[in-house]
Protein backbone atom coordinates (compact mmCIF):
# COMPACT_ATOMS: atom_id res chain seq x y z
CA MET A 1 192.74 -162.60 -73.21
CA ASN A 2 195.65 -162.96 -75.67
CA ARG A 3 197.62 -166.06 -74.74
CA PRO A 4 201.57 -165.37 -74.60
CA VAL A 5 203.47 -165.52 -77.63
CA LEU A 6 205.36 -168.53 -76.43
CA PHE A 7 202.35 -171.00 -76.33
CA SER A 8 200.43 -169.25 -79.33
CA THR A 9 203.55 -169.73 -81.73
CA PRO A 10 204.16 -173.23 -83.27
CA PHE A 11 207.23 -174.50 -81.52
CA ILE A 12 209.25 -175.07 -84.76
CA GLU A 13 208.80 -171.57 -85.60
CA ARG A 14 210.37 -170.58 -82.51
CA LEU A 15 213.67 -172.57 -83.22
CA PRO A 16 216.48 -172.10 -82.11
CA LEU A 17 215.25 -171.39 -78.35
CA ILE A 18 216.32 -168.64 -76.28
CA PRO A 19 219.03 -166.97 -78.59
CA GLU A 20 219.37 -163.90 -76.13
CA ARG A 21 220.60 -166.40 -73.30
CA PRO A 22 223.66 -167.91 -74.57
CA LEU A 23 224.85 -169.17 -71.00
CA VAL A 24 221.73 -171.37 -70.88
CA ARG A 25 221.89 -172.62 -74.30
CA TYR A 26 225.63 -173.81 -73.94
CA GLY A 27 225.12 -175.23 -70.53
CA THR A 28 222.23 -177.21 -71.61
CA THR A 29 224.30 -178.45 -74.40
CA ALA A 30 226.85 -179.26 -72.31
CA ALA A 31 224.38 -181.19 -69.75
CA LEU A 32 223.14 -183.19 -72.87
CA CYS A 33 226.41 -184.33 -73.74
CA ILE A 34 227.22 -185.48 -70.08
CA LEU A 35 223.74 -187.31 -70.26
CA ALA A 36 224.82 -188.95 -73.47
CA ALA A 37 228.18 -189.99 -72.11
CA TRP A 38 226.62 -191.71 -69.01
CA LEU A 39 224.04 -193.43 -71.14
CA ARG A 40 226.49 -195.00 -72.95
CA TRP A 41 228.73 -195.87 -70.08
CA GLU A 42 225.57 -197.44 -68.08
CA LEU A 43 224.45 -199.53 -71.32
CA ASP A 44 228.02 -200.24 -72.42
CA ALA A 45 227.56 -203.90 -71.36
CA ALA A 46 224.30 -204.18 -73.84
CA PHE A 47 226.09 -202.75 -76.88
CA PRO A 48 228.00 -204.91 -79.24
CA PRO A 49 231.79 -203.87 -79.87
CA GLY A 50 232.29 -201.13 -82.32
CA TYR A 51 229.34 -198.41 -81.66
CA PRO A 52 231.19 -195.76 -79.44
CA TYR A 53 228.80 -193.01 -80.94
CA LEU A 54 225.53 -194.59 -80.64
CA THR A 55 223.84 -192.20 -77.84
CA PHE A 56 225.84 -189.24 -78.73
CA PHE A 57 224.52 -188.77 -82.20
CA PRO A 58 221.14 -187.92 -80.50
CA ALA A 59 222.74 -185.28 -78.17
CA VAL A 60 224.23 -183.47 -81.29
CA ILE A 61 221.05 -183.40 -83.22
CA LEU A 62 219.02 -182.36 -80.24
CA SER A 63 221.42 -179.55 -79.58
CA SER A 64 221.40 -178.28 -82.99
CA PHE A 65 217.81 -178.63 -83.12
CA LEU A 66 217.04 -176.96 -80.08
CA PHE A 67 219.84 -174.17 -79.88
CA GLY A 68 221.18 -173.68 -83.45
CA PRO A 69 224.72 -174.71 -85.27
CA ARG A 70 227.13 -173.41 -82.88
CA PRO A 71 225.77 -175.23 -79.66
CA GLY A 72 225.66 -178.35 -81.94
CA ILE A 73 229.09 -177.85 -83.09
CA MET A 74 230.07 -177.54 -79.40
CA ALA A 75 228.21 -180.90 -78.95
CA ALA A 76 229.84 -182.52 -81.47
CA VAL A 77 233.35 -181.76 -80.17
CA ILE A 78 232.42 -182.83 -76.67
CA CYS A 79 230.79 -186.04 -77.43
CA GLY A 80 233.50 -186.92 -80.17
CA PHE A 81 235.94 -186.36 -77.20
CA PHE A 82 233.79 -188.50 -74.74
CA ALA A 83 233.67 -191.23 -77.46
CA TRP A 84 237.38 -191.18 -78.42
CA TYR A 85 238.70 -191.08 -74.72
CA LEU A 86 236.17 -193.43 -72.99
CA PHE A 87 234.87 -195.72 -75.80
CA ILE A 88 237.39 -196.33 -78.47
CA PRO A 89 240.04 -198.83 -77.59
CA PRO A 90 242.22 -198.31 -75.78
CA ARG A 91 239.79 -196.85 -73.29
CA PHE A 92 241.06 -193.87 -71.16
CA GLY A 93 243.49 -192.91 -73.88
CA LEU A 94 243.31 -190.96 -77.02
CA ALA A 95 244.78 -193.49 -79.52
CA LEU A 96 245.65 -192.04 -83.22
CA ASP A 97 246.05 -195.50 -84.91
CA TYR A 98 244.39 -195.95 -88.29
CA LYS A 99 240.95 -197.49 -87.00
CA SER A 100 240.77 -194.74 -84.38
CA LEU A 101 241.22 -192.05 -87.20
CA VAL A 102 238.52 -193.71 -89.31
CA SER A 103 236.22 -193.77 -86.56
CA LEU A 104 236.65 -190.31 -85.79
CA ALA A 105 236.30 -189.51 -89.48
CA PHE A 106 233.17 -191.21 -89.90
CA TYR A 107 231.68 -189.47 -86.86
CA THR A 108 232.96 -186.23 -87.86
CA GLY A 109 231.21 -186.61 -91.43
CA VAL A 110 228.10 -187.67 -89.99
CA VAL A 111 227.61 -185.05 -87.26
CA ALA A 112 228.77 -182.39 -89.95
CA VAL A 113 225.90 -183.42 -92.37
CA ASP A 114 223.35 -183.45 -89.47
CA ILE A 115 224.38 -180.23 -88.08
CA ALA A 116 224.07 -178.61 -91.57
CA LEU A 117 220.71 -180.22 -92.52
CA VAL A 118 219.10 -179.17 -89.15
CA HIS A 119 220.63 -175.47 -90.17
CA LEU A 120 219.27 -175.56 -93.36
CA MET A 121 215.95 -176.62 -92.02
CA GLN A 122 215.84 -173.85 -89.44
CA ARG A 123 216.84 -171.11 -91.89
CA PHE A 124 214.04 -172.38 -94.21
CA ASN A 125 211.42 -172.59 -91.11
CA ALA A 126 212.39 -168.75 -90.72
CA ARG A 127 212.23 -167.46 -94.16
CA LEU A 128 208.77 -169.25 -94.21
CA HIS A 129 207.56 -167.85 -91.08
CA LEU A 130 209.14 -164.31 -92.16
CA ALA A 131 207.03 -164.82 -95.25
CA GLN A 132 203.80 -165.86 -93.66
CA GLU A 133 204.20 -162.79 -91.31
CA GLU A 134 204.68 -160.59 -94.31
CA VAL A 135 201.48 -161.98 -95.93
CA ARG A 136 199.69 -161.35 -92.54
CA LEU A 137 200.66 -157.72 -92.53
CA LEU A 138 200.17 -157.45 -96.07
CA ALA A 139 196.47 -158.76 -95.78
CA GLU A 140 195.95 -156.43 -92.49
CA GLU A 141 197.07 -153.41 -94.59
CA ARG A 142 194.93 -154.55 -97.60
CA GLY A 143 191.96 -155.06 -95.13
CA VAL A 144 192.53 -151.51 -93.71
CA LEU A 145 193.11 -150.01 -97.09
CA ALA A 146 189.84 -151.59 -98.21
CA GLU A 147 187.87 -150.46 -95.43
CA ARG A 148 189.18 -146.89 -96.01
CA THR A 149 188.47 -147.13 -99.84
CA GLU A 150 184.82 -148.20 -98.91
CA LEU A 151 184.38 -145.37 -96.44
CA LEU A 152 185.94 -142.81 -98.69
CA PHE A 153 183.94 -143.83 -101.53
CA GLN A 154 180.77 -143.96 -99.91
CA GLU A 155 181.99 -140.29 -98.48
CA LEU A 156 182.46 -139.35 -102.12
CA GLN A 157 179.00 -140.51 -103.44
CA HIS A 158 177.25 -138.91 -100.57
CA ARG A 159 179.18 -135.54 -101.50
CA VAL A 160 178.32 -136.00 -104.98
CA GLY A 161 174.72 -136.79 -104.18
CA ASN A 162 174.45 -133.76 -101.86
CA ASN A 163 176.11 -131.44 -104.50
CA LEU A 164 173.65 -132.65 -107.03
CA GLN A 165 170.55 -131.92 -104.66
CA MET A 166 172.59 -128.52 -103.82
CA ILE A 167 172.54 -127.44 -107.44
CA GLY A 168 168.68 -128.83 -107.97
CA ALA A 169 168.18 -126.41 -104.82
CA VAL A 170 170.05 -123.48 -106.24
CA LEU A 171 167.92 -124.09 -109.66
CA SER A 172 164.79 -123.98 -107.85
CA LEU A 173 165.66 -120.55 -105.89
CA GLN A 174 166.26 -119.25 -109.36
CA LEU A 175 162.53 -119.79 -109.93
CA ARG A 176 161.65 -116.92 -107.69
CA GLY A 177 163.13 -114.40 -110.08
CA LEU A 178 161.39 -115.85 -113.26
CA GLU A 179 158.01 -114.91 -114.68
CA GLU A 180 158.07 -116.79 -118.00
CA PRO A 181 156.25 -120.11 -117.75
CA THR A 182 158.35 -122.06 -120.27
CA ALA A 183 161.61 -120.89 -118.30
CA ARG A 184 160.03 -121.77 -115.11
CA ARG A 185 158.79 -125.36 -116.19
CA ALA A 186 162.31 -126.13 -117.89
CA ILE A 187 164.03 -125.13 -114.71
CA ALA A 188 161.59 -126.69 -112.30
CA ASN A 189 162.26 -130.21 -114.22
CA ALA A 190 165.97 -129.74 -114.49
CA ALA A 191 165.87 -129.23 -110.55
CA GLY A 192 163.60 -132.13 -109.85
CA ARG A 193 166.01 -134.46 -112.14
CA LEU A 194 168.92 -133.31 -110.06
CA GLN A 195 167.50 -133.96 -107.02
CA VAL A 196 166.48 -137.68 -108.08
CA ILE A 197 169.77 -138.20 -109.30
CA GLY A 198 171.39 -137.08 -105.94
CA ARG A 199 169.04 -139.15 -103.81
CA ILE A 200 169.98 -142.18 -105.96
CA GLN A 201 173.39 -141.36 -106.07
CA ARG A 202 173.44 -141.45 -101.98
CA GLN A 203 171.66 -144.47 -101.34
CA LEU A 204 172.29 -147.12 -104.18
CA TYR A 205 175.79 -147.16 -105.13
CA ARG A 206 178.35 -149.17 -103.36
CA PRO A 207 182.07 -149.79 -104.12
CA ASP A 208 181.60 -153.52 -103.85
CA GLY A 209 178.77 -153.07 -106.99
CA GLU A 210 176.12 -154.45 -104.58
CA LEU A 211 172.83 -155.37 -106.39
CA VAL A 212 170.01 -153.23 -106.05
CA PRO A 213 166.65 -154.94 -104.34
CA LEU A 214 164.44 -153.72 -106.77
CA ASP A 215 160.89 -153.74 -104.60
CA ARG A 216 162.75 -151.28 -102.04
CA PHE A 217 164.17 -149.44 -105.12
CA VAL A 218 160.82 -148.56 -106.64
CA HIS A 219 158.88 -148.19 -103.25
CA ASP A 220 161.53 -145.64 -101.99
CA LEU A 221 161.48 -143.82 -105.60
CA SER A 222 157.86 -143.57 -105.57
CA GLY A 223 157.69 -142.19 -102.07
CA GLN A 224 160.21 -139.48 -102.90
CA VAL A 225 158.47 -138.59 -106.15
CA MET A 226 155.05 -138.19 -104.41
CA ASP A 227 156.33 -136.24 -101.10
CA SER A 228 158.30 -133.73 -103.42
CA SER A 229 155.30 -133.38 -105.63
CA GLY A 230 152.89 -132.11 -102.64
CA ARG A 231 149.82 -133.71 -104.06
CA GLU A 232 148.23 -135.53 -100.89
CA ASP A 233 145.19 -135.92 -103.04
CA ILE A 234 146.82 -138.61 -105.31
CA ALA A 235 147.46 -142.19 -104.15
CA CYS A 236 150.11 -144.30 -105.52
CA LYS A 237 150.01 -148.12 -105.44
CA VAL A 238 153.21 -149.96 -105.92
CA ALA A 239 153.22 -153.97 -106.66
CA VAL A 240 156.81 -155.37 -107.40
CA GLU A 241 157.40 -159.03 -108.07
CA PRO A 242 159.75 -160.11 -105.37
CA GLY A 243 163.35 -161.81 -105.78
CA ILE A 244 164.61 -159.40 -108.31
CA VAL A 245 167.64 -157.03 -108.11
CA LEU A 246 168.57 -154.33 -110.25
CA ARG A 247 172.14 -153.78 -111.29
CA PRO A 248 173.74 -150.61 -110.03
CA ASP A 249 174.31 -149.18 -113.98
CA ALA A 250 170.74 -149.50 -114.40
CA ALA A 251 169.73 -147.50 -111.42
CA VAL A 252 169.75 -143.72 -112.32
CA PRO A 253 168.26 -144.53 -115.96
CA VAL A 254 165.54 -146.35 -114.59
CA ALA A 255 164.88 -144.10 -111.64
CA LEU A 256 164.82 -140.90 -114.40
CA ILE A 257 162.22 -142.83 -116.58
CA LEU A 258 159.97 -143.88 -113.71
CA SER A 259 160.05 -140.25 -112.11
CA GLU A 260 159.27 -138.93 -115.56
CA ALA A 261 156.34 -141.32 -115.98
CA MET A 262 155.21 -140.49 -112.32
CA ALA A 263 155.63 -136.52 -113.31
CA ASN A 264 153.74 -136.64 -116.47
CA ALA A 265 150.89 -138.50 -114.80
CA LEU A 266 150.89 -135.84 -111.91
CA GLU A 267 151.25 -132.85 -114.06
CA HIS A 268 149.02 -133.77 -116.99
CA GLY A 269 146.79 -136.71 -116.44
CA LEU A 270 145.72 -135.81 -113.20
CA ALA A 271 146.66 -132.05 -113.27
CA ALA A 272 143.02 -130.87 -113.03
CA ARG A 273 141.77 -133.85 -110.60
CA ASP A 274 141.16 -133.00 -106.83
CA SER A 275 141.76 -136.92 -106.51
CA GLY A 276 143.32 -139.62 -108.46
CA LEU A 277 145.60 -142.80 -108.33
CA ILE A 278 148.92 -143.88 -109.81
CA ARG A 279 149.83 -147.57 -110.07
CA ILE A 280 153.18 -148.91 -110.62
CA ASP A 281 153.62 -152.47 -111.29
CA VAL A 282 156.89 -154.40 -111.86
CA ARG A 283 156.76 -158.18 -112.86
CA ARG A 284 158.55 -160.59 -114.82
CA GLN A 285 158.20 -161.45 -118.43
CA SER A 286 159.56 -164.15 -120.88
CA GLU A 287 161.68 -161.53 -122.54
CA GLY A 288 162.68 -159.55 -119.10
CA ILE A 289 161.16 -157.11 -116.72
CA ALA A 290 158.19 -155.04 -117.40
CA PHE A 291 158.06 -151.36 -115.50
CA SER A 292 154.47 -149.97 -115.69
CA VAL A 293 153.20 -146.66 -114.79
CA GLU A 294 149.56 -146.11 -115.21
CA ASP A 295 147.02 -143.41 -113.85
CA ASP A 296 143.46 -142.79 -113.92
CA GLY A 297 143.55 -139.43 -115.29
CA ALA A 298 142.53 -137.59 -118.76
CA GLY A 299 144.73 -140.01 -120.68
CA LEU A 300 146.78 -139.08 -123.82
CA ALA A 301 145.31 -136.62 -126.38
CA PRO A 302 143.98 -138.42 -129.55
CA ASP A 303 146.47 -136.91 -131.91
CA PHE A 304 149.33 -137.84 -129.33
CA GLU A 305 152.23 -139.66 -131.02
CA PRO A 306 155.06 -140.48 -128.49
CA ASP A 307 157.84 -141.02 -131.06
CA HIS A 308 157.58 -137.40 -132.33
CA ALA A 309 156.57 -135.72 -128.79
CA GLU A 310 158.63 -132.57 -127.92
CA SER A 311 158.48 -132.95 -124.31
CA ILE A 312 161.92 -132.96 -122.96
CA GLY A 313 161.02 -135.43 -120.19
CA LEU A 314 159.94 -137.66 -122.68
CA ARG A 315 162.75 -137.34 -125.00
CA ILE A 316 164.98 -137.90 -122.00
CA SER A 317 163.14 -140.94 -121.31
CA ARG A 318 163.52 -142.52 -124.68
CA VAL A 319 167.25 -141.85 -124.77
CA LEU A 320 167.75 -143.56 -121.44
CA SER A 321 165.36 -146.66 -122.79
CA ARG A 322 167.84 -146.70 -125.91
CA GLN A 323 170.84 -146.61 -123.28
CA LEU A 324 169.57 -149.72 -121.36
CA GLU A 325 168.77 -151.38 -124.57
CA ALA A 326 165.20 -151.43 -123.36
CA ARG A 327 161.87 -150.64 -125.06
CA LEU A 328 159.53 -147.76 -124.04
CA THR A 329 155.63 -147.54 -124.70
CA LEU A 330 153.37 -144.92 -123.90
CA GLU A 331 149.56 -145.32 -124.59
CA ASN A 332 146.24 -145.10 -123.21
CA LEU A 333 144.70 -147.76 -121.07
CA PRO A 334 142.18 -150.05 -123.47
CA CYS A 335 138.50 -148.98 -123.47
CA ASP A 336 137.38 -152.57 -122.49
CA SER A 337 139.67 -152.34 -119.21
CA GLY A 338 137.03 -150.43 -117.42
CA ARG A 339 139.53 -147.79 -116.48
CA SER A 340 140.50 -144.67 -118.00
CA GLY A 341 144.03 -143.01 -118.22
CA ALA A 342 147.74 -143.37 -119.46
CA LYS A 343 150.30 -146.31 -119.23
CA MET A 344 153.96 -145.88 -119.42
CA THR A 345 155.74 -149.43 -119.93
CA LEU A 346 159.37 -150.08 -119.86
CA HIS A 347 160.49 -153.28 -120.97
CA LEU A 348 163.83 -153.90 -119.46
CA PRO A 349 166.25 -156.92 -121.02
CA PRO A 350 167.57 -159.45 -118.56
CA SER A 351 171.27 -158.05 -118.78
CA ARG A 352 170.02 -155.11 -116.22
CA PHE A 353 168.72 -157.19 -113.40
CA ALA A 354 169.59 -160.63 -111.77
CA GLU A 355 167.68 -162.99 -109.49
CA ALA A 356 167.93 -162.29 -105.87
CA GLU A 357 170.34 -164.91 -104.00
């Protein structure tokens, strides 16, 4: 339950009080003046001669402070009259001699300065309160705008991802009307790449540049590639060293390189096998992070040269690795490892990842 404004707003920010009730303000001011006169009368014997305004100054200042400059001026006039009539000799008279005029001039100057200072303080407080309110409203508007911007950004990313996947689906439909094997393979590869990019676009990009946890990223990506391949006879094992996050600008290139490596393992190394295994390993090294994808298939042909290969997927991987300032290698597993098959390794520099907080 919200508290009333009267108690939730600092007292000094609500001055002058009750501006909408002038009768109460001026009535209270008059009461303060009468109280000041009564106190001065009761304490008259305790005061030394020459202090006719001693209790009236607080009444003027308090009236100005609580109710504003006009009630303060009214209090100054009433208190000045009480002091002049009751406590400036001759008492109960309105003397106009030199001493009385000097005393009244002194009183007028003091109360004028007091009222002016209180008024300036209240104007400053009012401006400060207005500025604080404007800042608060601006912060709220920025918060709402930031929230809306984030929602719009996420919606845009989802729509871009959906559109990319839709284009991939349209390309897949075009395969039904093609008979030429090379054209079918090219369109199928293009459709698969578009769908990979679309999934990453929807899942990984954030308006605040949020870093991508690498273990989740690789597990999700490998699962999607295996699901889309339809090869239930092929197992995929993923081992990612924890505590590493991938920067968003590296997400799509790394995803495409890894998916191309898995696609090559499925389509070439394990194509003629009714069972097999793909291993994905990601670990820290002294010069950065090493992504490796290996299979236990037939391996690379003896005359295969990765730098001169005409495969579209491999050429795309080389271009993306240069974009990442990374190093890409493709080789057969060593004979002394006791395993057969091929291995792709992407050596990613430190600028493309960060340590998890």
